[in-house]
C-alpha atoms as a PDB file:
ATOM      1  CA  MET A   1     -56.757 -13.426 -18.494  1.00  0.00           C
ATOM      2  CA  LYS A   2     -59.875 -10.488 -19.076  1.00  0.00           C
ATOM      3  CA  ARG A   3     -59.238  -6.872 -19.233  1.00  0.00           C
ATOM      4  CA  LYS A   4     -61.087  -3.846 -18.549  1.00  0.00           C
ATOM      5  CA  VAL A   5     -62.589  -2.509 -21.487  1.00  0.00           C
ATOM      6  CA  ASP A   6     -62.497   1.171 -22.641  1.00  0.00           C
ATOM      7  CA  GLY A   7     -65.639   3.577 -22.448  1.00  0.00           C
ATOM      8  CA  LYS A   8     -65.539   4.184 -26.095  1.00  0.00           C
ATOM      9  CA  TRP A   9     -64.886   0.473 -27.013  1.00  0.00           C
ATOM     10  CA  ALA A  10     -67.773  -0.807 -24.373  1.00  0.00           C
ATOM     11  CA  ALA A  11     -70.282   1.533 -25.492  1.00  0.00           C
ATOM     12  CA  ALA A  12     -69.584   0.235 -29.424  1.00  0.00           C
ATOM     13  CA  ALA A  13     -69.852  -3.510 -28.442  1.00  0.00           C
ATOM     14  CA  ILE A  14     -73.325  -2.558 -26.741  1.00  0.00           C
ATOM     15  CA  CYS A  15     -74.284  -0.546 -29.798  1.00  0.00           C
ATOM     16  CA  ALA A  16     -73.133  -3.333 -32.035  1.00  0.00           C
ATOM     17  CA  ALA A  17     -75.319  -6.186 -29.855  1.00  0.00           C
ATOM     18  CA  ALA A  18     -78.362  -4.254 -29.956  1.00  0.00           C
ATOM     19  CA  LEU A  19     -78.226  -3.938 -34.016  1.00  0.00           C
ATOM     20  CA  CYS A  20     -78.012  -7.638 -33.738  1.00  0.00           C
ATOM     21  CA  PHE A  21     -81.830  -7.352 -32.595  1.00  0.00           C
ATOM     22  CA  LEU A  22     -83.170  -5.499 -35.643  1.00  0.00           C
ATOM     23  CA  PRO A  23     -85.147  -7.147 -38.744  1.00  0.00           C
ATOM     24  CA  GLY A  24     -82.422  -8.831 -40.805  1.00  0.00           C
ATOM     25  CA  CYS A  25     -79.511  -8.400 -38.715  1.00  0.00           C
ATOM     26  CA  GLY A  26     -76.848 -11.222 -37.181  1.00  0.00           C
ATOM     27  CA  SER A  27     -78.364 -14.051 -37.461  1.00  0.00           C
ATOM     28  CA  GLU A  28     -77.444 -14.478 -41.257  1.00  0.00           C
ATOM     29  CA  SER A  29     -73.702 -13.315 -40.246  1.00  0.00           C
ATOM     30  CA  PRO A  30     -71.401 -16.118 -40.247  1.00  0.00           C
ATOM     31  CA  ILE A  31     -68.967 -16.501 -37.512  1.00  0.00           C
ATOM     32  CA  ILE A  32     -65.449 -15.378 -37.336  1.00  0.00           C
ATOM     33  CA  GLN A  33     -62.670 -17.310 -35.326  1.00  0.00           C
ATOM     34  CA  VAL A  34     -60.418 -14.648 -34.329  1.00  0.00           C
ATOM     35  CA  LYS A  35     -57.417 -14.889 -31.996  1.00  0.00           C
ATOM     36  CA  ILE A  36     -56.032 -12.125 -29.767  1.00  0.00           C
ATOM     37  CA  PHE A  37     -52.632 -12.003 -28.102  1.00  0.00           C
ATOM     38  CA  ASP A  38     -51.927  -9.631 -25.762  1.00  0.00           C
ATOM     39  CA  CYS A  39     -48.490 -10.083 -24.026  1.00  0.00           C
ATOM     40  CA  TYR A  40     -48.599 -13.757 -22.359  1.00  0.00           C
ATOM     41  CA  THR A  41     -52.482 -14.256 -22.782  1.00  0.00           C
ATOM     42  CA  GLU A  42     -53.750 -15.547 -26.145  1.00  0.00           C
ATOM     43  CA  THR A  43     -57.778 -14.999 -26.132  1.00  0.00           C
ATOM     44  CA  ARG A  44     -59.960 -17.095 -28.740  1.00  0.00           C
ATOM     45  CA  LEU A  45     -62.917 -15.271 -29.867  1.00  0.00           C
ATOM     46  CA  ALA A  46     -66.175 -16.393 -31.979  1.00  0.00           C
ATOM     47  CA  ALA A  47     -66.864 -12.685 -33.793  1.00  0.00           C
ATOM     48  CA  GLN A  48     -69.476 -11.965 -36.300  1.00  0.00           C
ATOM     49  CA  GLU A  49     -68.393 -11.243 -39.744  1.00  0.00           C
ATOM     50  CA  GLY A  50     -67.510  -7.791 -40.730  1.00  0.00           C
ATOM     51  CA  MET A  51     -67.356  -6.897 -36.823  1.00  0.00           C
ATOM     52  CA  ALA A  52     -64.833  -4.007 -36.504  1.00  0.00           C
ATOM     53  CA  VAL A  53     -61.284  -5.086 -34.682  1.00  0.00           C
ATOM     54  CA  GLY A  54     -62.114  -2.571 -31.851  1.00  0.00           C
ATOM     55  CA  GLU A  55     -65.514  -4.394 -31.185  1.00  0.00           C
ATOM     56  CA  ALA A  56     -63.713  -7.502 -31.047  1.00  0.00           C
ATOM     57  CA  LEU A  57     -61.449  -6.300 -28.022  1.00  0.00           C
ATOM     58  CA  ALA A  58     -64.152  -4.940 -26.338  1.00  0.00           C
ATOM     59  CA  GLU A  59     -66.040  -8.279 -26.698  1.00  0.00           C
ATOM     60  CA  ALA A  60     -62.926  -9.590 -25.237  1.00  0.00           C
ATOM     61  CA  GLU A  61     -62.692  -7.114 -22.518  1.00  0.00           C
ATOM     62  CA  ILE A  62     -59.462  -6.329 -23.600  1.00  0.00           C
ATOM     63  CA  SER A  63     -58.621  -2.561 -22.696  1.00  0.00           C
ATOM     64  CA  LEU A  64     -56.281  -0.105 -24.505  1.00  0.00           C
ATOM     65  CA  GLN A  65     -53.943   2.130 -22.763  1.00  0.00           C
ATOM     66  CA  GLU A  66     -52.598   5.379 -24.483  1.00  0.00           C
ATOM     67  CA  GLY A  67     -49.514   4.478 -26.626  1.00  0.00           C
ATOM     68  CA  ASP A  68     -50.614   0.785 -27.175  1.00  0.00           C
ATOM     69  CA  GLU A  69     -50.404  -0.325 -30.403  1.00  0.00           C
ATOM     70  CA  VAL A  70     -52.654  -2.962 -32.341  1.00  0.00           C
ATOM     71  CA  SER A  71     -51.293  -4.830 -35.304  1.00  0.00           C
ATOM     72  CA  LEU A  72     -54.747  -4.042 -37.218  1.00  0.00           C
ATOM     73  CA  PRO A  73     -56.790  -0.841 -37.486  1.00  0.00           C
ATOM     74  CA  LEU A  74     -59.422  -0.440 -34.902  1.00  0.00           C
ATOM     75  CA  GLU A  75     -61.849   0.137 -37.759  1.00  0.00           C
ATOM     76  CA  ALA A  76     -61.094  -2.903 -39.893  1.00  0.00           C
ATOM     77  CA  ARG A  77     -63.581  -5.297 -40.550  1.00  0.00           C
ATOM     78  CA  ILE A  78     -62.960  -9.192 -39.586  1.00  0.00           C
ATOM     79  CA  THR A  79     -63.870 -11.178 -42.662  1.00  0.00           C
ATOM     80  CA  GLU A  80     -61.212 -13.980 -42.563  1.00  0.00           C
ATOM     81  CA  ASP A  81     -61.800 -16.965 -40.543  1.00  0.00           C
ATOM     82  CA  GLY A  82     -58.261 -17.535 -38.282  1.00  0.00           C
ATOM     83  CA  THR A  83     -57.742 -13.691 -37.961  1.00  0.00           C
ATOM     84  CA  GLU A  84     -54.886 -12.659 -35.768  1.00  0.00           C
ATOM     85  CA  ILE A  85     -54.496  -9.480 -33.886  1.00  0.00           C
ATOM     86  CA  SER A  86     -51.706  -8.757 -31.507  1.00  0.00           C
ATOM     87  CA  ILE A  87     -51.303  -6.082 -29.010  1.00  0.00           C
ATOM     88  CA  SER A  88     -48.116  -4.076 -28.190  1.00  0.00           C
ATOM     89  CA  ARG A  89     -48.318  -2.480 -24.802  1.00  0.00           C
ATOM     90  CA  CYS A  90     -46.821   0.763 -24.361  1.00  0.00           C
ATOM     91  CA  ALA A  91     -44.739   0.716 -21.102  1.00  0.00           C
ATOM     92  CA  LYS A  92     -42.429   3.149 -19.510  1.00  0.00           C
ATOM     93  CA  VAL A  93     -39.794   1.686 -17.437  1.00  0.00           C
ATOM     94  CA  SER A  94     -36.670   2.642 -15.427  1.00  0.00           C
ATOM     95  CA  VAL A  95     -33.309   0.544 -15.974  1.00  0.00           C
ATOM     96  CA  GLY A  96     -30.849   0.815 -13.187  1.00  0.00           C
ATOM     97  CA  GLU A  97     -26.888  -0.096 -13.086  1.00  0.00           C
ATOM     98  CA  ASP A  98     -24.522   1.040 -10.290  1.00  0.00           C
ATOM     99  CA  GLY A  99     -26.565   3.631  -8.838  1.00  0.00           C
ATOM    100  CA  GLN A 100     -27.409   5.021 -12.558  1.00  0.00           C
ATOM    101  CA  LYS A 101     -30.865   4.977 -13.933  1.00  0.00           C
ATOM    102  CA  GLN A 102     -32.103   5.430 -17.696  1.00  0.00           C
ATOM    103  CA  GLU A 103     -35.909   6.003 -18.548  1.00  0.00           C
ATOM    104  CA  PHE A 104     -37.259   3.978 -21.797  1.00  0.00           C
ATOM    105  CA  THR A 105     -40.669   4.116 -23.102  1.00  0.00           C
ATOM    106  CA  LEU A 106     -41.173   0.858 -25.341  1.00  0.00           C
ATOM    107  CA  LYS A 107     -43.614  -1.120 -26.850  1.00  0.00           C
ATOM    108  CA  GLY A 108     -44.079  -4.333 -26.889  1.00  0.00           C
ATOM    109  CA  LYS A 109     -40.997  -5.168 -25.213  1.00  0.00           C
ATOM    110  CA  LYS A 110     -39.333  -7.601 -22.718  1.00  0.00           C
ATOM    111  CA  VAL A 111     -37.249  -7.065 -19.787  1.00  0.00           C
ATOM    112  CA  LYS A 112     -34.057  -7.953 -21.574  1.00  0.00           C
ATOM    113  CA  GLU A 113     -34.774  -5.650 -24.485  1.00  0.00           C
ATOM    114  CA  ALA A 114     -34.833  -2.923 -22.293  1.00  0.00           C
ATOM    115  CA  ILE A 115     -31.300  -3.921 -20.820  1.00  0.00           C
ATOM    116  CA  ALA A 116     -30.151  -4.183 -24.372  1.00  0.00           C
ATOM    117  CA  ALA A 117     -31.512  -0.764 -25.052  1.00  0.00           C
ATOM    118  CA  ALA A 118     -29.403   0.568 -21.750  1.00  0.00           C
ATOM    119  CA  LYS A 119     -26.445  -0.784 -23.433  1.00  0.00           C
ATOM    120  CA  ILE A 120     -25.632  -3.051 -20.300  1.00  0.00           C
ATOM    121  CA  GLU A 121     -24.393  -6.278 -20.972  1.00  0.00           C
ATOM    122  CA  ILE A 122     -25.232  -9.115 -18.208  1.00  0.00           C
ATOM    123  CA  GLY A 123     -22.304 -11.535 -16.918  1.00  0.00           C
ATOM    124  CA  GLU A 124     -22.233 -14.518 -15.674  1.00  0.00           C
ATOM    125  CA  HIS A 125     -23.043 -13.943 -12.253  1.00  0.00           C
ATOM    126  CA  ASP A 126     -25.188 -11.101 -12.529  1.00  0.00           C
ATOM    127  CA  GLU A 127     -29.015 -10.628 -11.107  1.00  0.00           C
ATOM    128  CA  VAL A 128     -31.907  -9.101 -12.579  1.00  0.00           C
ATOM    129  CA  SER A 129     -34.728  -7.522 -10.438  1.00  0.00           C
ATOM    130  CA  GLN A 130     -37.096  -9.137 -13.224  1.00  0.00           C
ATOM    131  CA  LYS A 131     -37.007 -12.030 -15.377  1.00  0.00           C
ATOM    132  CA  LEU A 132     -35.385 -11.523 -18.642  1.00  0.00           C
ATOM    133  CA  GLU A 133     -38.262 -12.885 -20.497  1.00  0.00           C
ATOM    134  CA  ALA A 134     -40.967 -10.906 -18.957  1.00  0.00           C
ATOM    135  CA  TYR A 135     -42.836  -8.356 -20.841  1.00  0.00           C
ATOM    136  CA  LEU A 136     -42.291  -4.755 -19.791  1.00  0.00           C
ATOM    137  CA  THR A 137     -45.211  -3.143 -17.546  1.00  0.00           C
ATOM    138  CA  ASP A 138     -45.745   0.291 -17.211  1.00  0.00           C
ATOM    139  CA  GLY A 139     -43.965   1.694 -14.173  1.00  0.00           C
ATOM    140  CA  MET A 140     -41.432  -1.230 -14.086  1.00  0.00           C
ATOM    141  CA  ASP A 141     -38.253  -0.914 -12.452  1.00  0.00           C
ATOM    142  CA  ILE A 142     -35.329  -3.259 -13.411  1.00  0.00           C
ATOM    143  CA  GLN A 143     -32.083  -3.416 -11.680  1.00  0.00           C
ATOM    144  CA  VAL A 144     -28.851  -5.075 -12.709  1.00  0.00           C
ATOM    145  CA  ARG A 145     -26.760  -5.951 -10.227  1.00  0.00           C
ATOM    146  CA  HIS A 146     -23.078  -7.128 -11.389  1.00  0.00           C
ATOM    147  CA  ARG A 147     -21.551  -9.733  -9.369  1.00  0.00           C
ATOM    148  CA  TYR A 148     -17.997 -11.238  -9.901  1.00  0.00           C
ATOM    149  CA  ALA A 149     -16.551 -14.398  -8.718  1.00  0.00           C
ATOM    150  CA  VAL A 150     -13.406 -14.294  -6.735  1.00  0.00           C
ATOM    151  CA  GLU A 151     -11.097 -16.296  -4.825  1.00  0.00           C
ATOM    152  CA  ILE A 152      -9.743 -14.904  -1.954  1.00  0.00           C
ATOM    153  CA  ASP A 153      -6.454 -16.917  -0.002  1.00  0.00           C
ATOM    154  CA  VAL A 154      -6.727 -15.701   3.700  1.00  0.00           C
ATOM    155  CA  ASP A 155      -5.577 -16.949   6.876  1.00  0.00           C
ATOM    156  CA  GLY A 156      -4.756 -20.360   5.781  1.00  0.00           C
ATOM    157  CA  ARG A 157      -7.728 -21.124   3.987  1.00  0.00           C
ATOM    158  CA  LYS A 158      -9.545 -20.180   0.198  1.00  0.00           C
ATOM    159  CA  VAL A 159     -12.672 -18.315  -0.002  1.00  0.00           C
ATOM    160  CA  GLU A 160     -14.693 -18.468  -2.876  1.00  0.00           C
ATOM    161  CA  CYS A 161     -17.364 -15.748  -3.136  1.00  0.00           C
ATOM    162  CA  LEU A 162     -19.396 -13.617  -5.380  1.00  0.00           C
ATOM    163  CA  THR A 163     -18.952  -9.811  -4.764  1.00  0.00           C
ATOM    164  CA  GLU A 164     -20.487  -6.792  -5.873  1.00  0.00           C
ATOM    165  CA  ALA A 165     -17.662  -4.554  -4.994  1.00  0.00           C
ATOM    166  CA  LYS A 166     -15.549  -2.745  -7.978  1.00  0.00           C
ATOM    167  CA  THR A 167     -12.369  -3.080  -6.357  1.00  0.00           C
ATOM    168  CA  VAL A 168     -10.362  -5.405  -3.847  1.00  0.00           C
ATOM    169  CA  LYS A 169     -10.777  -2.557  -1.234  1.00  0.00           C
ATOM    170  CA  GLY A 170     -14.698  -2.879  -1.723  1.00  0.00           C
ATOM    171  CA  MET A 171     -14.666  -6.613  -1.701  1.00  0.00           C
ATOM    172  CA  LEU A 172     -12.762  -6.916   1.817  1.00  0.00           C
ATOM    173  CA  GLU A 173     -15.186  -4.390   3.156  1.00  0.00           C
ATOM    174  CA  GLU A 174     -18.384  -6.156   1.888  1.00  0.00           C
ATOM    175  CA  GLN A 175     -16.945  -9.591   3.140  1.00  0.00           C
ATOM    176  CA  GLU A 176     -15.818  -8.539   6.488  1.00  0.00           C
ATOM    177  CA  ILE A 177     -12.235  -9.219   5.801  1.00  0.00           C
ATOM    178  CA  HIS A 178      -9.921  -6.962   8.119  1.00  0.00           C
ATOM    179  CA  LEU A 179      -6.353  -5.750   7.082  1.00  0.00           C
ATOM    180  CA  ASP A 180      -3.984  -4.685   9.173  1.00  0.00           C
ATOM    181  CA  GLU A 181      -1.451  -2.090   8.464  1.00  0.00           C
ATOM    182  CA  LYS A 182       1.650  -3.926   7.917  1.00  0.00           C
ATOM    183  CA  ASP A 183      -0.584  -6.945   6.182  1.00  0.00           C
ATOM    184  CA  LYS A 184       0.622  -7.712   2.644  1.00  0.00           C
ATOM    185  CA  ILE A 185      -2.363  -7.948   0.052  1.00  0.00           C
ATOM    186  CA  SER A 186      -1.655  -8.973  -3.843  1.00  0.00           C
ATOM    187  CA  PRO A 187      -3.212  -7.417  -5.971  1.00  0.00           C
ATOM    188  CA  SER A 188      -3.678  -3.942  -4.553  1.00  0.00           C
ATOM    189  CA  LEU A 189      -6.773  -2.605  -3.060  1.00  0.00           C
ATOM    190  CA  GLU A 190      -7.302  -0.144  -6.165  1.00  0.00           C
ATOM    191  CA  THR A 191      -7.340  -3.220  -8.605  1.00  0.00           C
ATOM    192  CA  LYS A 192     -10.669  -3.245 -10.267  1.00  0.00           C
ATOM    193  CA  ILE A 193     -12.544  -6.768  -9.820  1.00  0.00           C
ATOM    194  CA  GLN A 194     -12.978  -8.999 -12.348  1.00  0.00           C
ATOM    195  CA  ASN A 195     -14.443 -12.471 -12.819  1.00  0.00           C
ATOM    196  CA  GLY A 196     -11.916 -14.699 -11.368  1.00  0.00           C
ATOM    197  CA  THR A 197      -9.861 -12.486  -9.705  1.00  0.00           C
ATOM    198  CA  LYS A 198      -7.923 -14.096  -7.214  1.00  0.00           C
ATOM    199  CA  VAL A 199      -6.749 -12.136  -4.006  1.00  0.00           C
ATOM    200  CA  ALA A 200      -3.439 -12.985  -1.367  1.00  0.00           C
ATOM    201  CA  ILE A 201      -3.647 -12.071   2.068  1.00  0.00           C
ATOM    202  CA  HIS A 202      -0.577 -12.500   3.687  1.00  0.00           C
ATOM    203  CA  ARG A 203      -0.806 -12.130   7.866  1.00  0.00           C
ATOM    204  CA  VAL A 204       2.354 -10.007   8.633  1.00  0.00           C
ATOM    205  CA  PHE A 205       2.951  -9.384  12.481  1.00  0.00           C
ATOM    206  CA  VAL A 206       5.988  -8.084  14.247  1.00  0.00           C
ATOM    207  CA  GLU A 207       7.357  -8.433  17.465  1.00  0.00           C
ATOM    208  CA  GLN A 208      10.742  -8.066  19.600  1.00  0.00           C
ATOM    209  CA  VAL A 209      12.462 -11.122  20.611  1.00  0.00           C
ATOM    210  CA  THR A 210      15.219 -11.195  23.302  1.00  0.00           C
ATOM    211  CA  GLU A 211      17.878 -13.178  23.152  1.00  0.00           C
ATOM    212  CA  HIS A 212      21.155 -14.043  25.571  1.00  0.00           C
ATOM    213  CA  GLU A 213      24.410 -15.168  24.165  1.00  0.00           C
ATOM    214  CA  PRO A 214      27.514 -15.723  25.937  1.00  0.00           C
ATOM    215  CA  ILE A 215      30.924 -13.177  26.223  1.00  0.00           C
ATOM    216  CA  PRO A 216      33.992 -15.442  26.220  1.00  0.00           C
ATOM    217  CA  PHE A 217      36.636 -14.601  28.720  1.00  0.00           C
ATOM    218  CA  GLU A 218      40.461 -13.638  27.828  1.00  0.00           C
ATOM    219  CA  THR A 219      43.124 -15.199  29.385  1.00  0.00           C
ATOM    220  CA  GLU A 220      45.388 -12.567  30.951  1.00  0.00           C
ATOM    221  CA  ILE A 221      49.628 -13.236  31.123  1.00  0.00           C
ATOM    222  CA  GLU A 222      51.654 -12.009  34.237  1.00  0.00           C
ATOM    223  CA  TYR A 223      55.359 -13.019  34.491  1.00  0.00           C
ATOM    224  CA  SER A 224      57.299 -14.061  37.529  1.00  0.00           C
ATOM    225  CA  SER A 225      60.476 -13.707  38.567  1.00  0.00           C
ATOM    226  CA  SER A 226      60.336 -15.985  40.996  1.00  0.00           C
ATOM    227  CA  MET A 227      59.687 -18.868  38.875  1.00  0.00           C
ATOM    228  CA  TYR A 228      61.601 -20.351  36.378  1.00  0.00           C
ATOM    229  CA  GLN A 229      61.273 -19.887  32.761  1.00  0.00           C
ATOM    230  CA  GLY A 230      58.717 -22.827  31.237  1.00  0.00           C
ATOM    231  CA  GLU A 231      57.093 -22.926  34.690  1.00  0.00           C
ATOM    232  CA  SER A 232      53.490 -21.751  34.783  1.00  0.00           C
ATOM    233  CA  THR A 233      50.405 -21.840  37.302  1.00  0.00           C
ATOM    234  CA  ARG A 234      47.088 -20.352  36.495  1.00  0.00           C
ATOM    235  CA  ARG A 235      46.029 -17.855  39.341  1.00  0.00           C
ATOM    236  CA  ARG A 236      42.380 -17.082  38.345  1.00  0.00           C
ATOM    237  CA  GLN A 237      39.873 -19.035  36.711  1.00  0.00           C
ATOM    238  CA  GLY A 238      38.116 -17.403  33.616  1.00  0.00           C
ATOM    239  CA  GLN A 239      34.399 -16.714  33.721  1.00  0.00           C
ATOM    240  CA  GLU A 240      31.977 -16.378  30.755  1.00  0.00           C
ATOM    241  CA  GLY A 241      30.045 -12.829  30.370  1.00  0.00           C
ATOM    242  CA  GLU A 242      27.000 -12.338  28.843  1.00  0.00           C
ATOM    243  CA  LYS A 243      25.118 -10.225  26.451  1.00  0.00           C
ATOM    244  CA  GLU A 244      21.203  -9.569  25.896  1.00  0.00           C
ATOM    245  CA  LEU A 245      20.392  -8.891  22.293  1.00  0.00           C
ATOM    246  CA  VAL A 246      16.671  -7.608  21.435  1.00  0.00           C
ATOM    247  CA  TYR A 247      15.381  -8.245  17.643  1.00  0.00           C
ATOM    248  CA  GLU A 248      12.729  -7.146  15.907  1.00  0.00           C
ATOM    249  CA  VAL A 249      11.347 -10.132  14.069  1.00  0.00           C
ATOM    250  CA  THR A 250       9.053 -10.087  11.176  1.00  0.00           C
ATOM    251  CA  TYR A 251       6.667 -12.983  10.584  1.00  0.00           C
ATOM    252  CA  VAL A 252       4.706 -13.351   7.286  1.00  0.00           C
ATOM    253  CA  ASP A 253       1.669 -16.280   8.019  1.00  0.00           C
ATOM    254  CA  GLY A 254       3.170 -17.454  10.872  1.00  0.00           C
ATOM    255  CA  GLU A 255       6.866 -18.176   9.221  1.00  0.00           C
ATOM    256  CA  GLU A 256       9.795 -15.886  10.439  1.00  0.00           C
ATOM    257  CA  GLU A 257      11.065 -13.428   7.617  1.00  0.00           C
ATOM    258  CA  SER A 258      13.360 -11.356   8.839  1.00  0.00           C
ATOM    259  CA  ARG A 259      15.248 -10.352  11.950  1.00  0.00           C
ATOM    260  CA  VAL A 260      16.867  -7.191  12.622  1.00  0.00           C
ATOM    261  CA  LEU A 261      18.825  -5.957  15.825  1.00  0.00           C
ATOM    262  CA  VAL A 262      17.589  -3.342  17.338  1.00  0.00           C
ATOM    263  CA  LYS A 263      19.356  -3.320  21.088  1.00  0.00           C
ATOM    264  CA  GLU A 264      22.782  -4.722  22.512  1.00  0.00           C
ATOM    265  CA  SER A 265      23.972  -4.334  25.903  1.00  0.00           C
ATOM    266  CA  VAL A 266      25.995  -6.332  28.318  1.00  0.00           C
ATOM    267  CA  SER A 267      24.280  -7.892  31.417  1.00  0.00           C
ATOM    268  CA  LYS A 268      27.429  -9.399  33.154  1.00  0.00           C
ATOM    269  CA  GLU A 269      30.641  -8.588  32.266  1.00  0.00           C
ATOM    270  CA  PRO A 270      33.518 -11.958  31.620  1.00  0.00           C
ATOM    271  CA  VAL A 271      36.007 -12.429  34.326  1.00  0.00           C
ATOM    272  CA  ASN A 272      39.401 -13.130  32.310  1.00  0.00           C
ATOM    273  CA  ALA A 273      41.664 -15.719  33.948  1.00  0.00           C
ATOM    274  CA  ILE A 274      44.921 -15.109  35.032  1.00  0.00           C
ATOM    275  CA  VAL A 275      48.597 -17.334  34.108  1.00  0.00           C
ATOM    276  CA  ALA A 276      51.677 -16.568  35.878  1.00  0.00           C
ATOM    277  CA  LYS A 277      54.667 -17.385  33.969  1.00  0.00           C
ATOM    278  CA  GLY A 278      58.425 -17.678  35.223  1.00  0.00           C
ATOM    279  CA  THR A 279      61.274 -15.413  33.734  1.00  0.00           C
ATOM    280  CA  LYS A 280      63.907 -16.672  36.221  1.00  0.00           C
ATOM    281  CA  GLU A 281      66.551 -18.696  34.489  1.00  0.00           C
ATOM    282  CA  ARG A 282      67.633 -21.933  35.319  1.00  0.00           C
ATOM    283  CA  ARG A 283      71.467 -22.191  36.961  1.00  0.00           C
ATOM    284  CA  ARG A 284      73.944 -23.927  34.287  1.00  0.00           C
ATOM    285  CA  ILE A 285      77.525 -24.237  33.848  1.00  0.00           C
ATOM    286  CA  VAL A 286      78.778 -21.357  32.161  1.00  0.00           C
ATOM    287  CA  SER A 287      82.671 -22.803  31.869  1.00  0.00           C
ATOM    288  CA  ARG A 288      84.693 -25.660  33.067  1.00  0.00           C
ATOM    289  CA  GLU A 289      88.568 -25.521  33.508  1.00  0.00           C
ATOM    290  CA  GLN A 290      90.745 -28.882  34.209  1.00  0.00           C
ATOM    291  CA  VAL A 291      93.513 -28.567  36.310  1.00  0.00           C
ATOM    292  CA  PHE A 292      96.191 -31.427  36.337  1.00  0.00           C
ATOM    293  CA  ASP A 293      98.132 -31.859  39.709  1.00  0.00           C
ATOM    294  CA  CYS A 294     102.192 -31.455  39.578  1.00  0.00           C
ATOM    295  CA  ASP A 295     103.389 -34.807  41.274  1.00  0.00           C
ATOM    296  CA  GLY A 296     102.623 -36.490  37.963  1.00  0.00           C
ATOM    297  CA  SER A 297     100.204 -38.800  39.343  1.00  0.00           C
ATOM    298  CA  GLY A 298      97.172 -37.919  36.526  1.00  0.00           C
ATOM    299  CA  HIS A 299      95.299 -36.947  39.330  1.00  0.00           C
ATOM    300  CA  GLY A 300      93.733 -33.052  39.354  1.00  0.00           C
ATOM    301  CA  TYR A 301      90.526 -30.940  39.492  1.00  0.00           C
ATOM    302  CA  TYR A 302      87.974 -28.686  37.561  1.00  0.00           C
ATOM    303  CA  ILE A 303      87.186 -25.414  38.189  1.00  0.00           C
ATOM    304  CA  ILE A 304      83.365 -24.808  37.391  1.00  0.00           C
ATOM    305  CA  THR A 305      81.992 -21.416  37.136  1.00  0.00           C
ATOM    306  CA  TRP A 306      78.203 -21.276  37.323  1.00  0.00           C
ATOM    307  CA  SER A 307      75.817 -19.042  35.484  1.00  0.00           C
ATOM    308  CA  ASP A 308      75.266 -17.115  38.649  1.00  0.00           C
ATOM    309  CA  GLY A 309      78.774 -16.378  39.210  1.00  0.00           C
ATOM    310  CA  ALA A 310      78.987 -19.115  41.493  1.00  0.00           C
ATOM    311  CA  VAL A 311      82.716 -21.329  41.723  1.00  0.00           C
ATOM    312  CA  GLU A 312      83.138 -24.707  42.423  1.00  0.00           C
ATOM    313  CA  TYR A 313      86.027 -27.362  42.362  1.00  0.00           C
ATOM    314  CA  GLN A 314      85.594 -30.742  41.334  1.00  0.00           C
ATOM    315  CA  ASP A 315      88.653 -33.749  41.877  1.00  0.00           C
ATOM    316  CA  PHE A 316      89.170 -36.049  39.368  1.00  0.00           C
END
């Protein structure tokens, strides 16, 4: 690649060329092979012995800017075949990271060396706005974007992504993942992101669930003197009641985790059964007295007294 020549060295080149037409000049001077290295460019030049380095650069149409350095003095004479001339370009560059910018003036350096000068470490997934092996040019802006590989377990799927966020909260915003107030997340939103960070989001849903349960009836006992002891009859059939229970149920990722009773009310009162039992004692013999006839026949009668006070006579 050819470059524009300084006015100074262009004039020097013209003078040198003019001198070659003077008697006894130029034709007898040996030709020297020169190599000029300028960043990516290698220029091969056939120069006359004794040509100044500055003249050789002008001949190759390579210009120098303020601050550039040449491996040989510009006034030095080329006398050896295979002479090599190296140019270190002076470049004012800026290196940015996380919104912070540093400025450097470096000579003959590459992008990776400017990043090292800024004391910035490049991670596995980071991006740099310029190629690391590129030579610095004046005014070059180098931006380093730090990215981290993370895994997100959310809504029944695992998502792997690269993020530039610094915290879990920033990463969720970047990935447009919405987090409801009751949702659970691990690690916390304030946790700093690193390569390999795993984030688990558990969706929490709360709803009120109404259930109905039966209320068992009881059996009431009524006593009746019109019925004998041991006798009973059902005077009324019992009916179950019903109560309404309201629970606050919490689901995590669709599975019930807990439930809390928040309200209980009776929607139907139970009807108790009624059973009547007798209290009346049954009639029984209290005493039996034997009375013989006085005629000696061996016959007589019993005097029977009942529990109700009645008296009966029974022959035998």
